[in-house]
C-alpha cells in the first residue's frame, strides 16, 4: 500500500484516539515508519492509543496490523488551541 495512504489513515485514527481521550487539537507532528509490506485486498487493523498529555500537547501511538504482523507504526503530537 502507498505510504501516503498509510500516513493519512494513521493520522485519522490517532486523531480519533486523542479525541476519545478528551483531548482536542490539530496534528503538529506525525512520524511514520514502515515495518513491512501492507498488501492490498486483505483485512487490515489500524490501531491507535492515547499515550499521554503534557499541557496543551497530547501524544498518541498506533500501527497497521495485517495477519497479526505490524506493517507500519506511527507517533503523533496534537496541540490544542490557546485559551487566553
N, C-alpha and C. Protein backbone atom coordinates (compact mmCIF):
# COMPACT_ATOMS: atom_id res chain seq x y z
N UNK A 1 0.84 -1.16 0.00
CA UNK A 1 0.00 0.00 0.00
C UNK A 1 0.90 1.23 0.00
N UNK A 2 0.49 2.27 -0.70
CA UNK A 2 1.23 3.51 -0.81
C UNK A 2 1.41 4.16 0.56
N UNK A 3 2.62 4.61 0.87
CA UNK A 3 2.94 5.17 2.17
C UNK A 3 2.11 6.39 2.55
N UNK A 4 1.72 7.20 1.56
CA UNK A 4 0.89 8.37 1.86
C UNK A 4 -0.48 7.98 2.37
N UNK A 5 -1.01 6.88 1.86
CA UNK A 5 -2.30 6.38 2.32
C UNK A 5 -2.18 5.87 3.76
N UNK A 6 -1.08 5.18 4.05
CA UNK A 6 -0.84 4.70 5.42
C UNK A 6 -0.77 5.88 6.38
N UNK A 7 -0.02 6.91 6.01
CA UNK A 7 0.13 8.08 6.89
C UNK A 7 -1.21 8.79 7.11
N UNK A 8 -1.98 8.94 6.05
CA UNK A 8 -3.28 9.59 6.15
C UNK A 8 -4.21 8.81 7.09
N UNK A 9 -4.27 7.50 6.91
CA UNK A 9 -5.15 6.67 7.74
C UNK A 9 -4.68 6.69 9.20
N UNK A 10 -3.37 6.62 9.43
CA UNK A 10 -2.86 6.67 10.79
C UNK A 10 -3.13 8.02 11.44
N UNK A 11 -2.99 9.10 10.70
CA UNK A 11 -3.29 10.43 11.24
C UNK A 11 -4.74 10.49 11.70
N UNK A 12 -5.64 9.97 10.90
CA UNK A 12 -7.07 9.98 11.26
C UNK A 12 -7.33 9.14 12.51
N UNK A 13 -6.80 7.93 12.54
CA UNK A 13 -7.03 7.04 13.68
C UNK A 13 -6.40 7.60 14.96
N UNK A 14 -5.19 8.15 14.85
CA UNK A 14 -4.55 8.72 16.03
C UNK A 14 -5.29 9.96 16.52
N UNK A 15 -5.84 10.73 15.59
CA UNK A 15 -6.68 11.88 15.98
C UNK A 15 -7.92 11.44 16.72
N UNK A 16 -8.53 10.35 16.28
CA UNK A 16 -9.71 9.81 16.97
C UNK A 16 -9.32 9.31 18.36
N UNK A 17 -8.15 8.67 18.48
CA UNK A 17 -7.69 8.19 19.79
C UNK A 17 -7.52 9.37 20.75
N UNK A 18 -6.97 10.47 20.26
CA UNK A 18 -6.82 11.66 21.11
C UNK A 18 -8.19 12.23 21.48
N UNK A 19 -9.07 12.33 20.52
CA UNK A 19 -10.40 12.88 20.76
C UNK A 19 -11.19 12.05 21.77
N UNK A 20 -11.16 10.74 21.63
CA UNK A 20 -11.88 9.86 22.55
C UNK A 20 -11.35 10.00 23.97
N UNK A 21 -10.07 10.33 24.10
CA UNK A 21 -9.47 10.50 25.43
C UNK A 21 -9.85 11.84 26.06
N UNK A 22 -10.51 12.70 25.27
CA UNK A 22 -10.91 14.01 25.77
C UNK A 22 -10.01 15.13 25.31
N UNK A 23 -8.96 14.82 24.56
CA UNK A 23 -8.04 15.83 24.07
C UNK A 23 -8.59 16.43 22.77
N UNK A 24 -8.22 17.67 22.51
CA UNK A 24 -8.58 18.32 21.25
C UNK A 24 -7.31 18.91 20.65
N UNK A 25 -7.37 19.28 19.40
CA UNK A 25 -6.22 19.93 18.78
C UNK A 25 -5.94 19.42 17.40
N UNK A 26 -4.92 20.01 16.80
CA UNK A 26 -4.53 19.63 15.45
C UNK A 26 -3.20 18.91 15.48
N UNK A 27 -2.97 18.12 14.45
CA UNK A 27 -1.71 17.39 14.33
C UNK A 27 -0.58 18.38 14.07
N UNK A 28 0.44 18.37 14.92
CA UNK A 28 1.62 19.20 14.68
C UNK A 28 2.83 18.34 14.33
N UNK A 29 2.74 17.04 14.62
CA UNK A 29 3.82 16.13 14.27
C UNK A 29 3.23 14.74 14.04
N UNK A 30 3.62 14.13 12.93
CA UNK A 30 3.23 12.75 12.63
C UNK A 30 4.47 12.05 12.08
N UNK A 31 4.91 11.03 12.78
CA UNK A 31 6.08 10.26 12.37
C UNK A 31 5.63 8.84 12.07
N UNK A 32 5.95 8.37 10.87
CA UNK A 32 5.58 7.01 10.50
C UNK A 32 6.82 6.22 10.08
N UNK A 33 6.72 4.91 10.24
CA UNK A 33 7.80 4.02 9.80
C UNK A 33 7.17 2.74 9.29
N UNK A 34 7.62 2.30 8.13
CA UNK A 34 7.12 1.04 7.57
C UNK A 34 7.97 -0.09 8.13
N UNK A 35 7.29 -1.16 8.53
CA UNK A 35 7.96 -2.32 9.09
C UNK A 35 7.87 -3.54 8.18
N UNK A 36 7.12 -3.40 7.10
CA UNK A 36 6.93 -4.48 6.14
C UNK A 36 5.88 -4.07 5.13
N UNK A 37 5.62 -4.92 4.19
CA UNK A 37 4.64 -4.63 3.15
C UNK A 37 3.22 -4.68 3.72
N UNK A 38 2.40 -3.72 3.31
CA UNK A 38 0.98 -3.71 3.65
C UNK A 38 0.24 -4.00 2.35
N UNK A 39 -0.24 -5.22 2.18
CA UNK A 39 -0.84 -5.61 0.89
C UNK A 39 -2.23 -5.02 0.68
N UNK A 40 -2.63 -4.97 -0.58
CA UNK A 40 -3.98 -4.57 -0.95
C UNK A 40 -4.90 -5.78 -0.87
N UNK A 41 -6.19 -5.53 -0.65
CA UNK A 41 -7.19 -6.58 -0.76
C UNK A 41 -7.28 -7.56 0.39
N UNK A 42 -6.68 -7.22 1.52
CA UNK A 42 -6.77 -8.09 2.70
C UNK A 42 -7.23 -7.24 3.89
N UNK A 43 -7.86 -7.86 4.88
CA UNK A 43 -8.28 -7.09 6.06
C UNK A 43 -7.07 -6.51 6.80
N UNK A 44 -7.22 -5.28 7.25
CA UNK A 44 -6.16 -4.58 7.96
C UNK A 44 -6.74 -3.99 9.24
N UNK A 45 -6.06 -4.15 10.35
CA UNK A 45 -6.42 -3.48 11.60
C UNK A 45 -5.56 -2.24 11.72
N UNK A 46 -6.20 -1.10 11.97
CA UNK A 46 -5.47 0.14 12.24
C UNK A 46 -5.77 0.50 13.68
N UNK A 47 -4.73 0.47 14.51
CA UNK A 47 -4.91 0.66 15.95
C UNK A 47 -4.29 1.97 16.39
N UNK A 48 -4.98 2.67 17.26
CA UNK A 48 -4.46 3.91 17.83
C UNK A 48 -4.70 3.95 19.32
N UNK A 49 -3.74 4.49 20.05
CA UNK A 49 -3.85 4.59 21.51
C UNK A 49 -3.39 5.97 21.98
N UNK A 50 -4.08 6.48 22.96
CA UNK A 50 -3.67 7.71 23.64
C UNK A 50 -2.49 7.37 24.52
N UNK A 51 -1.40 8.15 24.42
CA UNK A 51 -0.18 7.84 25.18
C UNK A 51 0.09 8.84 26.30
N UNK A 52 -0.61 9.95 26.32
CA UNK A 52 -0.40 10.90 27.40
C UNK A 52 -0.64 12.33 26.99
N UNK A 53 -0.55 13.21 27.99
CA UNK A 53 -0.80 14.63 27.75
C UNK A 53 0.14 15.44 28.62
N UNK A 54 0.62 16.54 28.07
CA UNK A 54 1.51 17.45 28.78
C UNK A 54 1.12 18.86 28.38
N UNK A 55 0.45 19.56 29.26
CA UNK A 55 -0.03 20.90 28.91
C UNK A 55 -1.03 20.82 27.77
N UNK A 56 -0.76 21.58 26.70
CA UNK A 56 -1.65 21.58 25.53
C UNK A 56 -1.34 20.45 24.55
N UNK A 57 -0.27 19.70 24.79
CA UNK A 57 0.14 18.62 23.88
C UNK A 57 -0.47 17.28 24.29
N UNK A 58 -0.96 16.55 23.30
CA UNK A 58 -1.44 15.18 23.51
C UNK A 58 -0.63 14.26 22.61
N UNK A 59 -0.30 13.08 23.12
CA UNK A 59 0.54 12.13 22.40
C UNK A 59 -0.24 10.84 22.12
N UNK A 60 -0.08 10.33 20.91
CA UNK A 60 -0.73 9.08 20.53
C UNK A 60 0.26 8.20 19.79
N UNK A 61 -0.02 6.91 19.78
CA UNK A 61 0.78 5.94 19.03
C UNK A 61 -0.17 4.98 18.32
N UNK A 62 0.29 4.39 17.25
CA UNK A 62 -0.57 3.46 16.53
C UNK A 62 0.20 2.60 15.55
N UNK A 63 -0.55 1.69 14.93
CA UNK A 63 0.07 0.78 13.96
C UNK A 63 -0.96 0.19 13.00
N UNK A 64 -0.45 -0.26 11.86
CA UNK A 64 -1.19 -1.09 10.91
C UNK A 64 -0.82 -2.53 11.23
N UNK A 65 -1.82 -3.42 11.28
CA UNK A 65 -1.56 -4.83 11.55
C UNK A 65 -2.25 -5.68 10.49
N UNK A 66 -1.50 -6.57 9.86
CA UNK A 66 -2.03 -7.49 8.85
C UNK A 66 -1.68 -8.91 9.29
N UNK A 67 -2.70 -9.74 9.46
CA UNK A 67 -2.48 -11.13 9.89
C UNK A 67 -1.60 -11.22 11.14
N UNK A 68 -1.82 -10.32 12.09
CA UNK A 68 -1.06 -10.34 13.33
C UNK A 68 0.32 -9.73 13.26
N UNK A 69 0.73 -9.24 12.09
CA UNK A 69 2.06 -8.67 11.91
C UNK A 69 1.96 -7.16 11.73
N UNK A 70 2.74 -6.41 12.49
CA UNK A 70 2.76 -4.95 12.37
C UNK A 70 3.51 -4.59 11.09
N UNK A 71 2.84 -3.82 10.21
CA UNK A 71 3.46 -3.43 8.95
C UNK A 71 3.83 -1.95 8.89
N UNK A 72 3.28 -1.15 9.81
CA UNK A 72 3.63 0.28 9.89
C UNK A 72 3.31 0.77 11.29
N UNK A 73 4.12 1.71 11.78
CA UNK A 73 3.89 2.30 13.10
C UNK A 73 3.90 3.83 12.97
N UNK A 74 3.30 4.48 13.97
CA UNK A 74 3.26 5.94 13.94
C UNK A 74 3.18 6.51 15.35
N UNK A 75 3.71 7.72 15.49
CA UNK A 75 3.51 8.52 16.69
C UNK A 75 3.02 9.89 16.24
N UNK A 76 2.20 10.51 17.06
CA UNK A 76 1.69 11.83 16.71
C UNK A 76 1.61 12.71 17.93
N UNK A 77 1.75 14.01 17.69
CA UNK A 77 1.55 15.02 18.72
C UNK A 77 0.45 15.94 18.22
N UNK A 78 -0.53 16.17 19.08
CA UNK A 78 -1.63 17.09 18.79
C UNK A 78 -1.55 18.23 19.79
N UNK A 79 -1.80 19.46 19.33
CA UNK A 79 -1.77 20.62 20.22
C UNK A 79 -3.11 21.31 20.17
N UNK A 80 -3.66 21.55 21.37
CA UNK A 80 -4.95 22.26 21.45
C UNK A 80 -4.69 23.76 21.35
N UNK A 81 -5.71 24.51 20.98
CA UNK A 81 -5.56 25.95 20.84
C UNK A 81 -5.42 26.60 22.21
N UNK A 82 -4.79 27.76 22.20
CA UNK A 82 -4.62 28.51 23.45
C UNK A 82 -5.96 29.06 23.89
N UNK A 83 -6.17 29.06 25.16
CA UNK A 83 -7.41 29.59 25.74
C UNK A 83 -7.04 30.79 26.61
N UNK A 84 -6.73 31.90 25.96
CA UNK A 84 -6.32 33.12 26.69
C UNK A 84 -7.49 33.88 27.24
